[in-house]
Amino acid sequence: MGRAYQNRKESMAKTSDMKAKVYSRYGREIYVCAKAGGLDPSANLALRSLIDRAKKDQVPGHVIDKAIDKAKGGGGEDFAPARYEGYGPGGCMAIIECLTDNPNRTFGDVRVAFTKTKCKIGTQGTVAHMFDHAAIFRFAHDDEDAVLEALMDADVDVTDIENEDGMLTVFTPNTEFAKARQALAAAIEGIDFDVEEIQFIPHAYTTVEGDDLELFEKFLGMLNDLDDVQNVYHNVENV
């Protein structure tokens, strides 16, 4: 499972080169999370995790505060999640996660990105079965056995633990995110998560080259230009 968080971060760095877009995406996600689960980060663990991640990505405090204040008002946009899947150049696979207040518009925009780059959009489940939907936690620690024991005592289903240069990476099913985070925070005083998020991790990676690589980079660029797109997951190793 390794490299998953690195693959996503690298692809996001290349497809989200404008800070304004990054801020907008975090703002939208924080708004939806706060509206759905409550405004208090100490009670809404998903919101706390999201705010921590936003701060690490250097999202300004006023962007975070504005999103929470907006959710406090109770009105505003009614965003809903949407997910699209399909095949790209060279037979690669992609999953696109969106937050939208107009599903018809979002589907049309995402479909254009597929068709204009010779990609093929599919129905839900087309490629998702070739990915693991996993929660990932990465943090500095040197005792893999102690971490595994703490998670097992908390009845967390641990898929894998990797230890590399004093950094542990824990993988659990996406449904175990909150429980795993609580168990880790309780077991390791002052834990500082380098990564704490839910991702789609491909079972296997592929390489695209030549014209296919050019088309795939154009595909990622077009998706980045769409305000509704939050995350793009793929199995291309060399992007």
C-alpha atoms as a PDB file:
ATOM      1  CA  MET A   1       0.000   0.000   0.000  1.00  0.00           C
ATOM      2  CA  GLY A   2       2.969   2.305   0.452  1.00  0.00           C
ATOM      3  CA  ARG A   3       3.468   5.569  -1.416  1.00  0.00           C
ATOM      4  CA  ALA A   4      -0.266   6.164  -1.593  1.00  0.00           C
ATOM      5  CA  TYR A   5      -0.233   9.439   0.276  1.00  0.00           C
ATOM      6  CA  GLN A   6       2.881  10.512  -1.644  1.00  0.00           C
ATOM      7  CA  ASN A   7       1.265   9.730  -4.981  1.00  0.00           C
ATOM      8  CA  ARG A   8      -1.750  11.817  -4.121  1.00  0.00           C
ATOM      9  CA  LYS A   9       0.236  14.734  -2.771  1.00  0.00           C
ATOM     10  CA  GLU A  10       2.479  14.817  -5.826  1.00  0.00           C
ATOM     11  CA  SER A  11      -0.449  14.725  -8.225  1.00  0.00           C
ATOM     12  CA  MET A  12      -2.268  17.429  -6.283  1.00  0.00           C
ATOM     13  CA  ALA A  13       0.829  19.631  -6.345  1.00  0.00           C
ATOM     14  CA  LYS A  14       0.902  19.397 -10.110  1.00  0.00           C
ATOM     15  CA  THR A  15      -2.829  19.810 -10.688  1.00  0.00           C
ATOM     16  CA  SER A  16      -3.478  22.487  -8.039  1.00  0.00           C
ATOM     17  CA  ASP A  17      -0.877  25.088  -8.839  1.00  0.00           C
ATOM     18  CA  MET A  18      -3.040  28.058  -7.870  1.00  0.00           C
ATOM     19  CA  LYS A  19      -3.366  28.763  -4.157  1.00  0.00           C
ATOM     20  CA  ALA A  20      -6.781  30.327  -4.627  1.00  0.00           C
ATOM     21  CA  LYS A  21      -8.156  27.021  -5.905  1.00  0.00           C
ATOM     22  CA  VAL A  22      -6.640  25.097  -3.000  1.00  0.00           C
ATOM     23  CA  TYR A  23      -8.159  27.566  -0.521  1.00  0.00           C
ATOM     24  CA  SER A  24     -11.529  27.344  -2.251  1.00  0.00           C
ATOM     25  CA  ARG A  25     -11.546  23.565  -2.095  1.00  0.00           C
ATOM     26  CA  TYR A  26     -10.655  23.472   1.567  1.00  0.00           C
ATOM     27  CA  GLY A  27     -13.220  26.172   2.303  1.00  0.00           C
ATOM     28  CA  ARG A  28     -15.960  24.204   0.610  1.00  0.00           C
ATOM     29  CA  GLU A  29     -15.018  20.942   2.331  1.00  0.00           C
ATOM     30  CA  ILE A  30     -14.794  22.588   5.773  1.00  0.00           C
ATOM     31  CA  TYR A  31     -18.194  24.225   5.228  1.00  0.00           C
ATOM     32  CA  VAL A  32     -19.836  20.918   4.319  1.00  0.00           C
ATOM     33  CA  CYS A  33     -18.137  19.052   7.169  1.00  0.00           C
ATOM     34  CA  ALA A  34     -19.093  21.679   9.771  1.00  0.00           C
ATOM     35  CA  LYS A  35     -22.661  21.915   8.525  1.00  0.00           C
ATOM     36  CA  ALA A  36     -23.093  18.141   8.617  1.00  0.00           C
ATOM     37  CA  GLY A  37     -21.278  17.245  11.826  1.00  0.00           C
ATOM     38  CA  GLY A  38     -21.250  20.362  13.989  1.00  0.00           C
ATOM     39  CA  LEU A  39     -19.117  23.460  14.343  1.00  0.00           C
ATOM     40  CA  ASP A  40     -17.031  22.344  17.326  1.00  0.00           C
ATOM     41  CA  PRO A  41     -13.818  20.602  16.173  1.00  0.00           C
ATOM     42  CA  SER A  42     -13.455  18.898  19.561  1.00  0.00           C
ATOM     43  CA  ALA A  43     -16.769  17.129  18.985  1.00  0.00           C
ATOM     44  CA  ASN A  44     -16.551  16.825  15.201  1.00  0.00           C
ATOM     45  CA  LEU A  45     -13.393  14.764  14.678  1.00  0.00           C
ATOM     46  CA  ALA A  46     -13.695  14.900  10.906  1.00  0.00           C
ATOM     47  CA  LEU A  47     -13.734  18.698  11.070  1.00  0.00           C
ATOM     48  CA  ARG A  48     -10.745  18.767  13.423  1.00  0.00           C
ATOM     49  CA  SER A  49      -8.767  16.537  11.076  1.00  0.00           C
ATOM     50  CA  LEU A  50      -9.734  18.646   8.083  1.00  0.00           C
ATOM     51  CA  ILE A  51      -8.730  21.899   9.788  1.00  0.00           C
ATOM     52  CA  ASP A  52      -5.380  20.400  10.816  1.00  0.00           C
ATOM     53  CA  ARG A  53      -4.762  19.296   7.242  1.00  0.00           C
ATOM     54  CA  ALA A  54      -5.715  22.706   5.888  1.00  0.00           C
ATOM     55  CA  LYS A  55      -3.276  24.413   8.239  1.00  0.00           C
ATOM     56  CA  LYS A  56      -0.479  22.085   7.166  1.00  0.00           C
ATOM     57  CA  ASP A  57      -1.244  22.992   3.566  1.00  0.00           C
ATOM     58  CA  GLN A  58      -0.856  26.649   4.609  1.00  0.00           C
ATOM     59  CA  VAL A  59      -4.510  27.598   4.197  1.00  0.00           C
ATOM     60  CA  PRO A  60      -4.948  30.977   5.964  1.00  0.00           C
ATOM     61  CA  GLY A  61      -6.942  31.068   9.184  1.00  0.00           C
ATOM     62  CA  HIS A  62      -9.432  33.547   7.775  1.00  0.00           C
ATOM     63  CA  VAL A  63     -10.386  31.047   5.038  1.00  0.00           C
ATOM     64  CA  ILE A  64     -11.065  28.380   7.671  1.00  0.00           C
ATOM     65  CA  ASP A  65     -12.979  30.777   9.931  1.00  0.00           C
ATOM     66  CA  LYS A  66     -15.088  32.057   7.046  1.00  0.00           C
ATOM     67  CA  ALA A  67     -16.133  28.521   6.081  1.00  0.00           C
ATOM     68  CA  ILE A  68     -17.141  27.700   9.665  1.00  0.00           C
ATOM     69  CA  ASP A  69     -19.009  30.983  10.068  1.00  0.00           C
ATOM     70  CA  LYS A  70     -20.840  30.254   6.844  1.00  0.00           C
ATOM     71  CA  ALA A  71     -21.901  26.854   8.175  1.00  0.00           C
ATOM     72  CA  LYS A  72     -23.009  28.515  11.422  1.00  0.00           C
ATOM     73  CA  GLY A  73     -25.553  30.519   9.476  1.00  0.00           C
ATOM     74  CA  GLY A  74     -27.357  27.348   8.522  1.00  0.00           C
ATOM     75  CA  GLY A  75     -28.235  28.560   5.026  1.00  0.00           C
ATOM     76  CA  GLY A  76     -26.118  29.009   1.972  1.00  0.00           C
ATOM     77  CA  GLU A  77     -25.214  26.459  -0.637  1.00  0.00           C
ATOM     78  CA  ASP A  78     -26.372  22.883  -0.381  1.00  0.00           C
ATOM     79  CA  PHE A  79     -23.344  20.936  -1.574  1.00  0.00           C
ATOM     80  CA  ALA A  80     -23.500  17.197  -2.122  1.00  0.00           C
ATOM     81  CA  PRO A  81     -20.707  14.727  -2.882  1.00  0.00           C
ATOM     82  CA  ALA A  82     -20.407  13.270  -6.361  1.00  0.00           C
ATOM     83  CA  ARG A  83     -17.921  10.705  -7.648  1.00  0.00           C
ATOM     84  CA  TYR A  84     -16.974   9.872 -11.225  1.00  0.00           C
ATOM     85  CA  GLU A  85     -14.798   7.064 -12.535  1.00  0.00           C
ATOM     86  CA  GLY A  86     -13.287   6.002 -15.788  1.00  0.00           C
ATOM     87  CA  TYR A  87     -10.335   5.011 -17.934  1.00  0.00           C
ATOM     88  CA  GLY A  88      -7.668   7.336 -19.214  1.00  0.00           C
ATOM     89  CA  PRO A  89      -4.889   7.187 -21.812  1.00  0.00           C
ATOM     90  CA  GLY A  90      -2.882   3.987 -21.854  1.00  0.00           C
ATOM     91  CA  GLY A  91      -5.568   2.129 -19.926  1.00  0.00           C
ATOM     92  CA  CYS A  92      -4.955   4.015 -16.669  1.00  0.00           C
ATOM     93  CA  MET A  93      -7.761   4.490 -14.154  1.00  0.00           C
ATOM     94  CA  ALA A  94      -9.063   7.602 -12.405  1.00  0.00           C
ATOM     95  CA  ILE A  95     -11.556   8.469  -9.663  1.00  0.00           C
ATOM     96  CA  ILE A  96     -12.738  12.064  -9.312  1.00  0.00           C
ATOM     97  CA  GLU A  97     -14.387  13.291  -6.114  1.00  0.00           C
ATOM     98  CA  CYS A  98     -16.514  16.440  -6.237  1.00  0.00           C
ATOM     99  CA  LEU A  99     -18.657  18.641  -4.030  1.00  0.00           C
ATOM    100  CA  THR A 100     -21.419  20.213  -6.054  1.00  0.00           C
ATOM    101  CA  ASP A 101     -24.566  22.291  -5.762  1.00  0.00           C
ATOM    102  CA  ASN A 102     -25.521  21.384  -9.338  1.00  0.00           C
ATOM    103  CA  PRO A 103     -24.912  17.706 -10.210  1.00  0.00           C
ATOM    104  CA  ASN A 104     -25.945  18.106 -13.845  1.00  0.00           C
ATOM    105  CA  ARG A 105     -23.418  20.895 -14.385  1.00  0.00           C
ATOM    106  CA  THR A 106     -20.659  18.996 -12.603  1.00  0.00           C
ATOM    107  CA  PHE A 107     -21.257  15.786 -14.526  1.00  0.00           C
ATOM    108  CA  GLY A 108     -21.220  17.697 -17.801  1.00  0.00           C
ATOM    109  CA  ASP A 109     -17.978  19.472 -16.920  1.00  0.00           C
ATOM    110  CA  VAL A 110     -16.221  16.284 -15.816  1.00  0.00           C
ATOM    111  CA  ARG A 111     -17.458  14.413 -18.889  1.00  0.00           C
ATOM    112  CA  VAL A 112     -15.951  17.099 -21.147  1.00  0.00           C
ATOM    113  CA  ALA A 113     -12.576  16.586 -19.444  1.00  0.00           C
ATOM    114  CA  PHE A 114     -12.839  12.876 -20.223  1.00  0.00           C
ATOM    115  CA  THR A 115     -13.997  13.186 -23.829  1.00  0.00           C
ATOM    116  CA  LYS A 116     -11.575  15.946 -24.848  1.00  0.00           C
ATOM    117  CA  THR A 117      -8.590  13.892 -23.718  1.00  0.00           C
ATOM    118  CA  LYS A 118      -9.710  10.573 -25.220  1.00  0.00           C
ATOM    119  CA  CYS A 119     -10.629   9.209 -21.796  1.00  0.00           C
ATOM    120  CA  LYS A 120     -13.728   7.136 -21.160  1.00  0.00           C
ATOM    121  CA  ILE A 121     -16.053   8.004 -18.280  1.00  0.00           C
ATOM    122  CA  GLY A 122     -17.903   5.056 -16.760  1.00  0.00           C
ATOM    123  CA  THR A 123     -20.616   4.350 -14.241  1.00  0.00           C
ATOM    124  CA  GLN A 124     -20.002   4.197 -10.495  1.00  0.00           C
ATOM    125  CA  GLY A 125     -17.972   1.104  -9.714  1.00  0.00           C
ATOM    126  CA  THR A 126     -16.273   0.965 -13.116  1.00  0.00           C
ATOM    127  CA  VAL A 127     -12.787   1.188 -11.617  1.00  0.00           C
ATOM    128  CA  ALA A 128     -13.401   1.633  -7.873  1.00  0.00           C
ATOM    129  CA  HIS A 129     -13.072  -2.117  -7.329  1.00  0.00           C
ATOM    130  CA  MET A 130      -9.427  -1.748  -8.375  1.00  0.00           C
ATOM    131  CA  PHE A 131      -8.761   0.684  -5.510  1.00  0.00           C
ATOM    132  CA  ASP A 132      -8.833   0.347  -1.732  1.00  0.00           C
ATOM    133  CA  HIS A 133     -10.856   3.052   0.019  1.00  0.00           C
ATOM    134  CA  ALA A 134      -8.578   3.494   2.999  1.00  0.00           C
ATOM    135  CA  ALA A 135      -7.847   5.772   5.917  1.00  0.00           C
ATOM    136  CA  ILE A 136      -4.160   6.667   6.139  1.00  0.00           C
ATOM    137  CA  PHE A 137      -2.258   7.983   9.159  1.00  0.00           C
ATOM    138  CA  ARG A 138       1.440   8.839   8.987  1.00  0.00           C
ATOM    139  CA  PHE A 139       3.380  10.049  12.010  1.00  0.00           C
ATOM    140  CA  ALA A 140       6.778   9.874  13.676  1.00  0.00           C
ATOM    141  CA  HIS A 141       7.100   6.832  15.934  1.00  0.00           C
ATOM    142  CA  ASP A 142       9.540   3.958  16.374  1.00  0.00           C
ATOM    143  CA  ASP A 143       7.468   1.228  18.051  1.00  0.00           C
ATOM    144  CA  GLU A 144       5.326  -0.485  15.441  1.00  0.00           C
ATOM    145  CA  ASP A 145       4.235  -3.262  17.830  1.00  0.00           C
ATOM    146  CA  ALA A 146       2.984  -0.808  20.467  1.00  0.00           C
ATOM    147  CA  VAL A 147       0.959   1.111  17.891  1.00  0.00           C
ATOM    148  CA  LEU A 148      -0.562  -2.084  16.507  1.00  0.00           C
ATOM    149  CA  GLU A 149      -1.451  -3.253  20.024  1.00  0.00           C
ATOM    150  CA  ALA A 150      -3.132   0.078  20.841  1.00  0.00           C
ATOM    151  CA  LEU A 151      -5.195  -0.083  17.681  1.00  0.00           C
ATOM    152  CA  MET A 152      -6.195  -3.695  18.259  1.00  0.00           C
ATOM    153  CA  ASP A 153      -7.185  -2.909  21.866  1.00  0.00           C
ATOM    154  CA  ALA A 154      -9.478  -0.208  20.442  1.00  0.00           C
ATOM    155  CA  ASP A 155     -10.982  -2.793  18.076  1.00  0.00           C
ATOM    156  CA  VAL A 156      -9.631  -1.031  14.978  1.00  0.00           C
ATOM    157  CA  ASP A 157      -9.344  -3.143  11.841  1.00  0.00           C
ATOM    158  CA  VAL A 158      -5.741  -2.501  10.762  1.00  0.00           C
ATOM    159  CA  THR A 159      -5.043  -3.305   7.122  1.00  0.00           C
ATOM    160  CA  ASP A 160      -1.315  -2.605   7.176  1.00  0.00           C
ATOM    161  CA  ILE A 161       1.442  -0.755   9.029  1.00  0.00           C
ATOM    162  CA  GLU A 162       4.631   0.406   7.333  1.00  0.00           C
ATOM    163  CA  ASN A 163       7.763   1.588   9.095  1.00  0.00           C
ATOM    164  CA  GLU A 164      10.223   3.724   7.163  1.00  0.00           C
ATOM    165  CA  ASP A 165      12.974   5.883   8.656  1.00  0.00           C
ATOM    166  CA  GLY A 166      11.167   6.401  11.947  1.00  0.00           C
ATOM    167  CA  MET A 167       7.833   7.197  10.311  1.00  0.00           C
ATOM    168  CA  LEU A 168       4.909   4.829  10.725  1.00  0.00           C
ATOM    169  CA  THR A 169       2.094   4.700   8.185  1.00  0.00           C
ATOM    170  CA  VAL A 170      -1.102   3.006   9.344  1.00  0.00           C
ATOM    171  CA  PHE A 171      -3.763   1.857   6.880  1.00  0.00           C
ATOM    172  CA  THR A 172      -7.318   1.024   7.948  1.00  0.00           C
ATOM    173  CA  PRO A 173     -10.648   0.773   6.115  1.00  0.00           C
ATOM    174  CA  ASN A 174     -12.143   4.217   5.460  1.00  0.00           C
ATOM    175  CA  THR A 175     -14.992   3.470   7.885  1.00  0.00           C
ATOM    176  CA  GLU A 176     -12.461   3.150  10.731  1.00  0.00           C
ATOM    177  CA  PHE A 177     -11.051   6.682  10.333  1.00  0.00           C
ATOM    178  CA  ALA A 178     -12.530   8.298  13.462  1.00  0.00           C
ATOM    179  CA  LYS A 179     -11.969   5.285  15.685  1.00  0.00           C
ATOM    180  CA  ALA A 180      -8.381   4.849  14.506  1.00  0.00           C
ATOM    181  CA  ARG A 181      -7.578   8.533  14.973  1.00  0.00           C
ATOM    182  CA  GLN A 182      -8.980   8.519  18.505  1.00  0.00           C
ATOM    183  CA  ALA A 183      -7.010   5.383  19.400  1.00  0.00           C
ATOM    184  CA  LEU A 184      -3.753   6.808  18.066  1.00  0.00           C
ATOM    185  CA  ALA A 185      -4.267  10.149  19.821  1.00  0.00           C
ATOM    186  CA  ALA A 186      -4.980   8.354  23.106  1.00  0.00           C
ATOM    187  CA  ALA A 187      -1.997   6.020  22.796  1.00  0.00           C
ATOM    188  CA  ILE A 188       0.636   8.566  21.702  1.00  0.00           C
ATOM    189  CA  GLU A 189       0.741  11.796  23.657  1.00  0.00           C
ATOM    190  CA  GLY A 190       1.211  14.841  21.446  1.00  0.00           C
ATOM    191  CA  ILE A 191       0.978  12.859  18.216  1.00  0.00           C
ATOM    192  CA  ASP A 192       1.503  15.016  15.134  1.00  0.00           C
ATOM    193  CA  PHE A 193      -0.003  13.479  12.021  1.00  0.00           C
ATOM    194  CA  ASP A 194       1.964  14.116   8.856  1.00  0.00           C
ATOM    195  CA  VAL A 195      -0.935  12.511   6.973  1.00  0.00           C
ATOM    196  CA  GLU A 196      -4.474  11.799   8.248  1.00  0.00           C
ATOM    197  CA  GLU A 197      -6.962  11.394   5.469  1.00  0.00           C
ATOM    198  CA  ILE A 198      -9.082   9.019   3.436  1.00  0.00           C
ATOM    199  CA  GLN A 199      -7.897   8.118  -0.049  1.00  0.00           C
ATOM    200  CA  PHE A 200      -8.481   5.723  -2.898  1.00  0.00           C
ATOM    201  CA  ILE A 201      -5.329   3.608  -3.227  1.00  0.00           C
ATOM    202  CA  PRO A 202      -4.819   1.648  -6.466  1.00  0.00           C
ATOM    203  CA  HIS A 203      -4.103  -2.062  -6.209  1.00  0.00           C
ATOM    204  CA  ALA A 204      -1.426  -1.643  -8.887  1.00  0.00           C
ATOM    205  CA  TYR A 205       0.292   1.250 -10.644  1.00  0.00           C
ATOM    206  CA  THR A 206       0.907   1.795 -14.327  1.00  0.00           C
ATOM    207  CA  THR A 207       3.125   4.041 -16.456  1.00  0.00           C
ATOM    208  CA  VAL A 208       1.929   6.178 -19.354  1.00  0.00           C
ATOM    209  CA  GLU A 209       4.307   7.543 -21.962  1.00  0.00           C
ATOM    210  CA  GLY A 210       4.493   9.687 -25.077  1.00  0.00           C
ATOM    211  CA  ASP A 211       1.176  10.987 -26.392  1.00  0.00           C
ATOM    212  CA  ASP A 212      -0.684   9.166 -23.623  1.00  0.00           C
ATOM    213  CA  LEU A 213       1.290  11.032 -20.975  1.00  0.00           C
ATOM    214  CA  GLU A 214       0.588  14.356 -22.654  1.00  0.00           C
ATOM    215  CA  LEU A 215      -3.134  13.591 -22.787  1.00  0.00           C
ATOM    216  CA  PHE A 216      -3.195  12.464 -19.165  1.00  0.00           C
ATOM    217  CA  GLU A 217      -1.508  15.671 -17.989  1.00  0.00           C
ATOM    218  CA  LYS A 218      -4.063  17.653 -20.006  1.00  0.00           C
ATOM    219  CA  PHE A 219      -6.827  15.597 -18.377  1.00  0.00           C
ATOM    220  CA  LEU A 220      -5.545  16.434 -14.878  1.00  0.00           C
ATOM    221  CA  GLY A 221      -5.215  20.090 -15.836  1.00  0.00           C
ATOM    222  CA  MET A 222      -8.791  20.293 -17.086  1.00  0.00           C
ATOM    223  CA  LEU A 223     -10.089  18.705 -13.895  1.00  0.00           C
ATOM    224  CA  ASN A 224      -8.060  21.148 -11.816  1.00  0.00           C
ATOM    225  CA  ASP A 225      -9.799  24.031 -13.540  1.00  0.00           C
ATOM    226  CA  LEU A 226     -13.195  22.795 -12.292  1.00  0.00           C
ATOM    227  CA  ASP A 227     -14.256  24.383  -9.013  1.00  0.00           C
ATOM    228  CA  ASP A 228     -16.385  21.380  -8.059  1.00  0.00           C
ATOM    229  CA  VAL A 229     -13.498  18.896  -8.204  1.00  0.00           C
ATOM    230  CA  GLN A 230     -12.022  18.186  -4.769  1.00  0.00           C
ATOM    231  CA  ASN A 231      -9.700  15.220  -5.324  1.00  0.00           C
ATOM    232  CA  VAL A 232      -8.387  13.188  -8.231  1.00  0.00           C
ATOM    233  CA  TYR A 233      -7.069   9.672  -7.585  1.00  0.00           C
ATOM    234  CA  HIS A 234      -5.332   7.625 -10.253  1.00  0.00           C
ATOM    235  CA  ASN A 235      -2.942   4.741 -10.726  1.00  0.00           C
ATOM    236  CA  VAL A 236      -0.364   6.502 -12.902  1.00  0.00           C
ATOM    237  CA  GLU A 237       3.039   6.118 -11.297  1.00  0.00           C
ATOM    238  CA  ASN A 238       5.061   8.631 -13.324  1.00  0.00           C
ATOM    239  CA  VAL A 239       2.851  11.734 -12.844  1.00  0.00           C
END
